[in-house]
Amino acid sequence: MQQRVTAAAVAILARRIEELKAGTAATRPQDEAAATRFGKRRPEDGRIDWSRPAKEVHDLVRAVTHPYPGAFTDLFGGRTFVWRTRLPGLAAHDTFPGQVRAEGGRLHVACGDDRYVEILSAQPEGGEEMDPARFLAERGP
């Protein structure tokens, strides 16, 4: 997504660069009544709240993955960044939010809506990004 936005910005700038350099570009004041504001992103905004529905957790990971600072959790005995996830469609009955299910090299975490999120790429703080099989082999569930 970031690459598409950047490409669009480059195309728009290319159309107007000469006017901008010459100081002849048309200006239009912003309508403050229609403007919206969003505060600065804080590191804590990337913390995964496993009590949220699985889709919200998955969407958070997608929203803050590379090149951004990433989503993170402390489930694995220290801060772990989660770079890619998927929604496997598995029900997580008789579990609690944040409960880890690791089997066959796959890593699932239960969410608040009794659904799992599958972690596809994780990185211990200060370590390398890795697939779940390697992560489990090195860190354990």
N, C-alpha and C. Protein backbone atom coordinates (compact mmCIF):
# COMPACT_ATOMS: atom_id res chain seq x y z
N MET A 1 0.82 -1.18 0.00
CA MET A 1 0.00 0.00 0.00
C MET A 1 0.87 1.26 0.00
N GLN A 2 1.89 1.29 0.85
CA GLN A 2 2.77 2.45 0.92
C GLN A 2 3.40 2.74 -0.43
N GLN A 3 3.78 1.70 -1.17
CA GLN A 3 4.40 1.90 -2.48
C GLN A 3 3.42 2.54 -3.46
N ARG A 4 2.13 2.15 -3.40
CA ARG A 4 1.13 2.73 -4.30
C ARG A 4 0.89 4.20 -3.97
N VAL A 5 0.84 4.52 -2.69
CA VAL A 5 0.63 5.92 -2.28
C VAL A 5 1.83 6.76 -2.72
N THR A 6 3.03 6.23 -2.53
CA THR A 6 4.23 6.95 -2.94
C THR A 6 4.24 7.17 -4.45
N ALA A 7 3.88 6.15 -5.22
CA ALA A 7 3.85 6.28 -6.69
C ALA A 7 2.83 7.33 -7.11
N ALA A 8 1.67 7.37 -6.46
CA ALA A 8 0.65 8.37 -6.78
C ALA A 8 1.15 9.77 -6.46
N ALA A 9 1.83 9.93 -5.33
CA ALA A 9 2.36 11.25 -4.95
C ALA A 9 3.40 11.72 -5.95
N VAL A 10 4.25 10.81 -6.41
CA VAL A 10 5.27 11.17 -7.40
C VAL A 10 4.61 11.62 -8.70
N ALA A 11 3.57 10.92 -9.13
CA ALA A 11 2.88 11.29 -10.37
C ALA A 11 2.23 12.66 -10.26
N ILE A 12 1.60 12.94 -9.14
CA ILE A 12 0.96 14.24 -8.95
C ILE A 12 2.00 15.35 -8.89
N LEU A 13 3.08 15.12 -8.17
CA LEU A 13 4.14 16.12 -8.08
C LEU A 13 4.76 16.39 -9.45
N ALA A 14 4.95 15.35 -10.24
CA ALA A 14 5.53 15.53 -11.58
C ALA A 14 4.68 16.46 -12.43
N ARG A 15 3.35 16.38 -12.27
CA ARG A 15 2.46 17.25 -13.06
C ARG A 15 2.55 18.71 -12.64
N ARG A 16 2.92 18.98 -11.41
CA ARG A 16 2.88 20.34 -10.86
C ARG A 16 4.24 20.91 -10.48
N ILE A 17 5.30 20.17 -10.68
CA ILE A 17 6.61 20.59 -10.18
C ILE A 17 7.06 21.93 -10.77
N GLU A 18 6.83 22.15 -12.05
CA GLU A 18 7.27 23.41 -12.67
C GLU A 18 6.51 24.59 -12.08
N GLU A 19 5.20 24.44 -11.88
CA GLU A 19 4.40 25.51 -11.27
C GLU A 19 4.88 25.78 -9.85
N LEU A 20 5.20 24.73 -9.12
CA LEU A 20 5.68 24.90 -7.74
C LEU A 20 7.02 25.64 -7.73
N LYS A 21 7.93 25.25 -8.63
CA LYS A 21 9.24 25.90 -8.69
C LYS A 21 9.11 27.37 -9.09
N ALA A 22 8.17 27.67 -9.98
CA ALA A 22 7.98 29.05 -10.46
C ALA A 22 7.14 29.88 -9.49
N GLY A 23 6.54 29.23 -8.51
CA GLY A 23 5.70 29.97 -7.57
C GLY A 23 4.34 30.32 -8.13
N THR A 24 3.93 29.63 -9.18
CA THR A 24 2.65 29.95 -9.83
C THR A 24 1.59 28.88 -9.59
N ALA A 25 1.87 27.93 -8.75
CA ALA A 25 0.89 26.86 -8.48
C ALA A 25 -0.32 27.45 -7.78
N ALA A 26 -1.49 27.00 -8.19
CA ALA A 26 -2.72 27.47 -7.57
C ALA A 26 -2.77 26.99 -6.12
N THR A 27 -3.27 27.83 -5.26
CA THR A 27 -3.41 27.44 -3.86
C THR A 27 -4.88 27.48 -3.48
N ARG A 28 -5.20 26.68 -2.51
CA ARG A 28 -6.58 26.63 -2.02
C ARG A 28 -6.50 26.39 -0.52
N PRO A 29 -7.05 27.32 0.27
CA PRO A 29 -6.98 27.12 1.72
C PRO A 29 -7.79 25.90 2.14
N GLN A 30 -7.30 25.22 3.17
CA GLN A 30 -8.01 24.05 3.68
C GLN A 30 -9.27 24.49 4.42
N ASP A 31 -10.35 23.78 4.20
CA ASP A 31 -11.59 24.02 4.93
C ASP A 31 -11.45 23.35 6.29
N GLU A 32 -11.16 24.14 7.31
CA GLU A 32 -10.93 23.60 8.64
C GLU A 32 -12.15 22.87 9.21
N ALA A 33 -13.36 23.26 8.78
CA ALA A 33 -14.57 22.59 9.26
C ALA A 33 -14.66 21.16 8.74
N ALA A 34 -14.05 20.91 7.58
CA ALA A 34 -14.10 19.57 6.99
C ALA A 34 -12.84 18.76 7.30
N ALA A 35 -11.86 19.39 7.96
CA ALA A 35 -10.58 18.72 8.23
C ALA A 35 -10.72 17.73 9.38
N THR A 36 -9.95 16.68 9.32
CA THR A 36 -9.87 15.73 10.44
C THR A 36 -8.43 15.72 10.92
N ARG A 37 -8.26 15.33 12.14
CA ARG A 37 -6.91 15.28 12.72
C ARG A 37 -6.67 13.91 13.32
N PHE A 38 -5.43 13.50 13.25
CA PHE A 38 -5.02 12.24 13.88
C PHE A 38 -3.73 12.52 14.61
N GLY A 39 -3.70 12.16 15.86
CA GLY A 39 -2.50 12.41 16.67
C GLY A 39 -1.32 11.59 16.19
N LYS A 40 -0.17 11.96 16.66
CA LYS A 40 1.06 11.26 16.31
C LYS A 40 0.99 9.81 16.81
N ARG A 41 1.51 8.90 16.01
CA ARG A 41 1.55 7.49 16.41
C ARG A 41 2.58 7.33 17.52
N ARG A 42 2.17 6.59 18.53
CA ARG A 42 3.07 6.28 19.65
C ARG A 42 3.46 4.81 19.55
N PRO A 43 4.61 4.44 20.09
CA PRO A 43 5.00 3.03 20.04
C PRO A 43 3.94 2.09 20.62
N GLU A 44 3.26 2.50 21.69
CA GLU A 44 2.25 1.63 22.31
C GLU A 44 1.07 1.34 21.38
N ASP A 45 0.90 2.15 20.34
CA ASP A 45 -0.20 1.91 19.39
C ASP A 45 -0.02 0.59 18.64
N GLY A 46 1.18 0.03 18.65
CA GLY A 46 1.44 -1.24 17.98
C GLY A 46 1.24 -2.46 18.87
N ARG A 47 0.90 -2.26 20.14
CA ARG A 47 0.72 -3.40 21.06
C ARG A 47 -0.52 -4.18 20.65
N ILE A 48 -0.38 -5.49 20.52
CA ILE A 48 -1.50 -6.36 20.15
C ILE A 48 -2.33 -6.65 21.39
N ASP A 49 -3.62 -6.38 21.29
CA ASP A 49 -4.57 -6.68 22.36
C ASP A 49 -5.31 -7.94 21.92
N TRP A 50 -4.90 -9.08 22.48
CA TRP A 50 -5.47 -10.36 22.07
C TRP A 50 -6.93 -10.52 22.47
N SER A 51 -7.46 -9.62 23.29
CA SER A 51 -8.88 -9.68 23.65
C SER A 51 -9.76 -9.11 22.54
N ARG A 52 -9.15 -8.49 21.55
CA ARG A 52 -9.88 -7.95 20.40
C ARG A 52 -10.22 -9.11 19.44
N PRO A 53 -11.18 -8.89 18.53
CA PRO A 53 -11.49 -9.92 17.53
C PRO A 53 -10.29 -10.22 16.63
N ALA A 54 -10.21 -11.45 16.14
CA ALA A 54 -9.09 -11.89 15.31
C ALA A 54 -8.87 -10.98 14.10
N LYS A 55 -9.93 -10.55 13.45
CA LYS A 55 -9.78 -9.69 12.27
C LYS A 55 -9.14 -8.36 12.65
N GLU A 56 -9.49 -7.81 13.80
CA GLU A 56 -8.88 -6.55 14.24
C GLU A 56 -7.39 -6.74 14.52
N VAL A 57 -7.02 -7.85 15.13
CA VAL A 57 -5.61 -8.13 15.40
C VAL A 57 -4.87 -8.26 14.07
N HIS A 58 -5.43 -9.03 13.16
CA HIS A 58 -4.82 -9.22 11.83
C HIS A 58 -4.68 -7.88 11.10
N ASP A 59 -5.72 -7.06 11.16
CA ASP A 59 -5.68 -5.76 10.48
C ASP A 59 -4.64 -4.83 11.11
N LEU A 60 -4.47 -4.89 12.43
CA LEU A 60 -3.43 -4.08 13.08
C LEU A 60 -2.05 -4.49 12.55
N VAL A 61 -1.79 -5.79 12.50
CA VAL A 61 -0.49 -6.26 12.00
C VAL A 61 -0.27 -5.78 10.57
N ARG A 62 -1.29 -5.90 9.73
CA ARG A 62 -1.17 -5.45 8.34
C ARG A 62 -0.92 -3.95 8.26
N ALA A 63 -1.55 -3.18 9.14
CA ALA A 63 -1.44 -1.71 9.09
C ALA A 63 -0.07 -1.20 9.51
N VAL A 64 0.60 -1.90 10.41
CA VAL A 64 1.86 -1.36 10.93
C VAL A 64 3.08 -2.23 10.60
N THR A 65 2.93 -3.13 9.61
CA THR A 65 4.06 -3.96 9.22
C THR A 65 5.08 -3.12 8.45
N HIS A 66 6.12 -3.74 7.95
CA HIS A 66 7.18 -3.03 7.22
C HIS A 66 6.58 -2.07 6.21
N PRO A 67 7.04 -0.88 6.09
CA PRO A 67 8.23 -0.28 6.68
C PRO A 67 7.98 0.40 8.03
N TYR A 68 6.85 0.18 8.62
CA TYR A 68 6.51 0.82 9.89
C TYR A 68 7.09 0.05 11.07
N PRO A 69 6.94 0.61 12.29
CA PRO A 69 7.57 -0.02 13.47
C PRO A 69 7.05 -1.40 13.84
N GLY A 70 5.86 -1.78 13.41
CA GLY A 70 5.38 -3.13 13.66
C GLY A 70 4.47 -3.28 14.85
N ALA A 71 3.71 -4.36 14.82
CA ALA A 71 2.85 -4.76 15.94
C ALA A 71 3.69 -5.65 16.84
N PHE A 72 3.37 -5.65 18.14
CA PHE A 72 4.18 -6.46 19.04
C PHE A 72 3.34 -7.05 20.16
N THR A 73 3.90 -8.07 20.78
CA THR A 73 3.29 -8.75 21.90
C THR A 73 4.37 -9.15 22.89
N ASP A 74 3.96 -9.40 24.12
CA ASP A 74 4.89 -9.89 25.14
C ASP A 74 4.58 -11.33 25.52
N LEU A 75 3.80 -12.02 24.69
CA LEU A 75 3.38 -13.38 25.00
C LEU A 75 4.52 -14.39 25.13
N PHE A 76 5.61 -14.15 24.46
CA PHE A 76 6.65 -15.16 24.35
C PHE A 76 7.86 -14.87 25.24
N GLY A 77 7.61 -14.26 26.39
CA GLY A 77 8.67 -14.03 27.35
C GLY A 77 9.56 -12.85 27.03
N GLY A 78 9.07 -11.89 26.32
CA GLY A 78 9.79 -10.69 25.94
C GLY A 78 9.10 -10.10 24.73
N ARG A 79 9.43 -8.88 24.42
CA ARG A 79 8.78 -8.23 23.27
C ARG A 79 9.10 -8.99 21.99
N THR A 80 8.05 -9.32 21.26
CA THR A 80 8.16 -10.00 19.98
C THR A 80 7.34 -9.22 18.96
N PHE A 81 7.97 -8.87 17.86
CA PHE A 81 7.28 -8.18 16.78
C PHE A 81 6.61 -9.21 15.88
N VAL A 82 5.40 -8.91 15.49
CA VAL A 82 4.63 -9.79 14.61
C VAL A 82 4.48 -9.05 13.28
N TRP A 83 5.09 -9.60 12.23
CA TRP A 83 5.14 -8.90 10.95
C TRP A 83 4.08 -9.37 9.96
N ARG A 84 3.70 -10.64 10.03
CA ARG A 84 2.68 -11.15 9.10
C ARG A 84 1.80 -12.14 9.83
N THR A 85 0.51 -12.06 9.52
CA THR A 85 -0.46 -13.00 10.09
C THR A 85 -1.45 -13.39 9.02
N ARG A 86 -2.28 -14.35 9.35
CA ARG A 86 -3.41 -14.68 8.50
C ARG A 86 -4.54 -15.16 9.40
N LEU A 87 -5.72 -15.16 8.83
CA LEU A 87 -6.90 -15.64 9.54
C LEU A 87 -7.19 -17.05 9.04
N PRO A 88 -6.86 -18.07 9.83
CA PRO A 88 -6.99 -19.44 9.34
C PRO A 88 -8.42 -19.98 9.37
N GLY A 89 -9.35 -19.26 9.96
CA GLY A 89 -10.72 -19.76 10.04
C GLY A 89 -10.91 -20.83 11.09
N LEU A 90 -10.01 -20.91 12.06
CA LEU A 90 -10.12 -21.90 13.13
C LEU A 90 -10.84 -21.31 14.32
N ALA A 91 -11.78 -22.04 14.86
CA ALA A 91 -12.44 -21.62 16.09
C ALA A 91 -11.52 -21.90 17.26
N ALA A 92 -11.57 -21.04 18.25
CA ALA A 92 -10.70 -21.17 19.42
C ALA A 92 -11.56 -21.38 20.66
N HIS A 93 -12.42 -22.38 20.63
CA HIS A 93 -13.31 -22.66 21.76
C HIS A 93 -12.52 -23.14 22.96
N ASP A 94 -13.03 -22.84 24.14
CA ASP A 94 -12.41 -23.25 25.40
C ASP A 94 -10.98 -22.74 25.53
N THR A 95 -10.76 -21.54 25.03
CA THR A 95 -9.45 -20.90 25.15
C THR A 95 -9.66 -19.53 25.79
N PHE A 96 -8.59 -18.84 26.03
CA PHE A 96 -8.65 -17.47 26.52
C PHE A 96 -7.80 -16.61 25.60
N PRO A 97 -8.11 -15.31 25.51
CA PRO A 97 -7.33 -14.43 24.63
C PRO A 97 -5.84 -14.48 24.98
N GLY A 98 -5.03 -14.68 23.97
CA GLY A 98 -3.58 -14.76 24.15
C GLY A 98 -3.06 -16.17 24.35
N GLN A 99 -3.95 -17.14 24.39
CA GLN A 99 -3.50 -18.53 24.54
C GLN A 99 -2.83 -18.98 23.25
N VAL A 100 -1.66 -19.57 23.38
CA VAL A 100 -0.85 -19.97 22.23
C VAL A 100 -1.10 -21.44 21.92
N ARG A 101 -1.24 -21.71 20.63
CA ARG A 101 -1.37 -23.09 20.14
C ARG A 101 -0.26 -23.28 19.10
N ALA A 102 0.67 -24.16 19.41
CA ALA A 102 1.79 -24.40 18.51
C ALA A 102 1.83 -25.88 18.17
N GLU A 103 1.72 -26.18 16.88
CA GLU A 103 1.82 -27.57 16.45
C GLU A 103 2.18 -27.62 14.97
N GLY A 104 2.97 -28.59 14.62
CA GLY A 104 3.36 -28.78 13.23
C GLY A 104 4.06 -27.58 12.62
N GLY A 105 4.83 -26.84 13.42
CA GLY A 105 5.53 -25.68 12.90
C GLY A 105 4.63 -24.48 12.68
N ARG A 106 3.40 -24.56 13.13
CA ARG A 106 2.46 -23.45 12.99
C ARG A 106 2.23 -22.82 14.36
N LEU A 107 1.95 -21.55 14.35
CA LEU A 107 1.78 -20.79 15.59
C LEU A 107 0.48 -20.00 15.52
N HIS A 108 -0.46 -20.35 16.39
CA HIS A 108 -1.76 -19.69 16.45
C HIS A 108 -1.92 -19.05 17.82
N VAL A 109 -2.62 -17.92 17.85
CA VAL A 109 -2.93 -17.26 19.12
C VAL A 109 -4.43 -16.98 19.14
N ALA A 110 -5.07 -17.36 20.25
CA ALA A 110 -6.51 -17.16 20.41
C ALA A 110 -6.81 -15.69 20.67
N CYS A 111 -7.91 -15.23 20.09
CA CYS A 111 -8.35 -13.84 20.25
C CYS A 111 -9.68 -13.80 21.01
N GLY A 112 -10.13 -12.61 21.29
CA GLY A 112 -11.30 -12.42 22.12
C GLY A 112 -12.61 -12.88 21.53
N ASP A 113 -12.65 -13.14 20.24
CA ASP A 113 -13.89 -13.59 19.59
C ASP A 113 -13.90 -15.10 19.37
N ASP A 114 -13.08 -15.83 20.11
CA ASP A 114 -12.98 -17.29 19.98
C ASP A 114 -12.52 -17.72 18.59
N ARG A 115 -11.65 -16.91 17.98
CA ARG A 115 -11.03 -17.23 16.70
C ARG A 115 -9.52 -17.13 16.89
N TYR A 116 -8.78 -17.80 16.02
CA TYR A 116 -7.32 -17.73 16.06
C TYR A 116 -6.79 -16.78 15.00
N VAL A 117 -5.62 -16.23 15.30
CA VAL A 117 -4.77 -15.56 14.31
C VAL A 117 -3.55 -16.45 14.17
N GLU A 118 -3.15 -16.72 12.95
CA GLU A 118 -1.92 -17.49 12.72
C GLU A 118 -0.78 -16.53 12.46
N ILE A 119 0.30 -16.68 13.20
CA ILE A 119 1.48 -15.84 13.02
C ILE A 119 2.35 -16.47 11.95
N LEU A 120 2.65 -15.70 10.91
CA LEU A 120 3.46 -16.19 9.79
C LEU A 120 4.89 -15.69 9.83
N SER A 121 5.12 -14.59 10.55
CA SER A 121 6.46 -14.03 10.64
C SER A 121 6.56 -13.27 11.96
N ALA A 122 7.60 -13.61 12.75
CA ALA A 122 7.80 -12.99 14.05
C ALA A 122 9.28 -12.67 14.24
N GLN A 123 9.53 -11.73 15.15
CA GLN A 123 10.90 -11.30 15.41
C GLN A 123 11.07 -10.95 16.87
N PRO A 124 11.86 -11.73 17.60
CA PRO A 124 12.15 -11.34 18.98
C PRO A 124 12.90 -10.01 18.97
N GLU A 125 12.62 -9.17 19.95
CA GLU A 125 13.31 -7.88 20.01
C GLU A 125 14.82 -8.10 20.01
N GLY A 126 15.50 -7.43 19.10
CA GLY A 126 16.95 -7.57 18.97
C GLY A 126 17.38 -8.75 18.14
N GLY A 127 16.43 -9.56 17.66
CA GLY A 127 16.75 -10.75 16.88
C GLY A 127 16.36 -10.60 15.42
N GLU A 128 16.34 -11.71 14.74
CA GLU A 128 16.00 -11.74 13.32
C GLU A 128 14.53 -12.06 13.13
N GLU A 129 13.99 -11.58 12.02
CA GLU A 129 12.64 -11.98 11.62
C GLU A 129 12.69 -13.42 11.14
N MET A 130 11.69 -14.22 11.54
CA MET A 130 11.72 -15.64 11.17
C MET A 130 10.33 -16.21 11.01
N ASP A 131 10.27 -17.35 10.33
CA ASP A 131 8.99 -18.05 10.18
C ASP A 131 8.64 -18.72 11.50
N PRO A 132 7.39 -19.16 11.66
CA PRO A 132 6.98 -19.71 12.95
C PRO A 132 7.71 -21.00 13.34
N ALA A 133 8.06 -21.85 12.40
CA ALA A 133 8.77 -23.09 12.74
C ALA A 133 10.11 -22.77 13.39
N ARG A 134 10.84 -21.86 12.80
CA ARG A 134 12.15 -21.48 13.37
C ARG A 134 11.95 -20.75 14.70
N PHE A 135 10.97 -19.86 14.74
CA PHE A 135 10.69 -19.12 15.98
C PHE A 135 10.41 -20.10 17.12
N LEU A 136 9.56 -21.09 16.85
CA LEU A 136 9.24 -22.07 17.88
C LEU A 136 10.44 -22.91 18.28
N ALA A 137 11.26 -23.27 17.30
CA ALA A 137 12.45 -24.07 17.60
C ALA A 137 13.43 -23.29 18.48
N GLU A 138 13.53 -21.99 18.26
CA GLU A 138 14.49 -21.17 19.00
C GLU A 138 13.92 -20.63 20.31
N ARG A 139 12.62 -20.33 20.32
CA ARG A 139 12.03 -19.67 21.49
C ARG A 139 11.06 -20.53 22.28
N GLY A 140 10.49 -21.52 21.64
CA GLY A 140 9.47 -22.33 22.30
C GLY A 140 8.14 -21.60 22.34
N PRO A 141 7.06 -22.32 22.61
CA PRO A 141 5.75 -21.67 22.63
C PRO A 141 5.58 -20.80 23.86
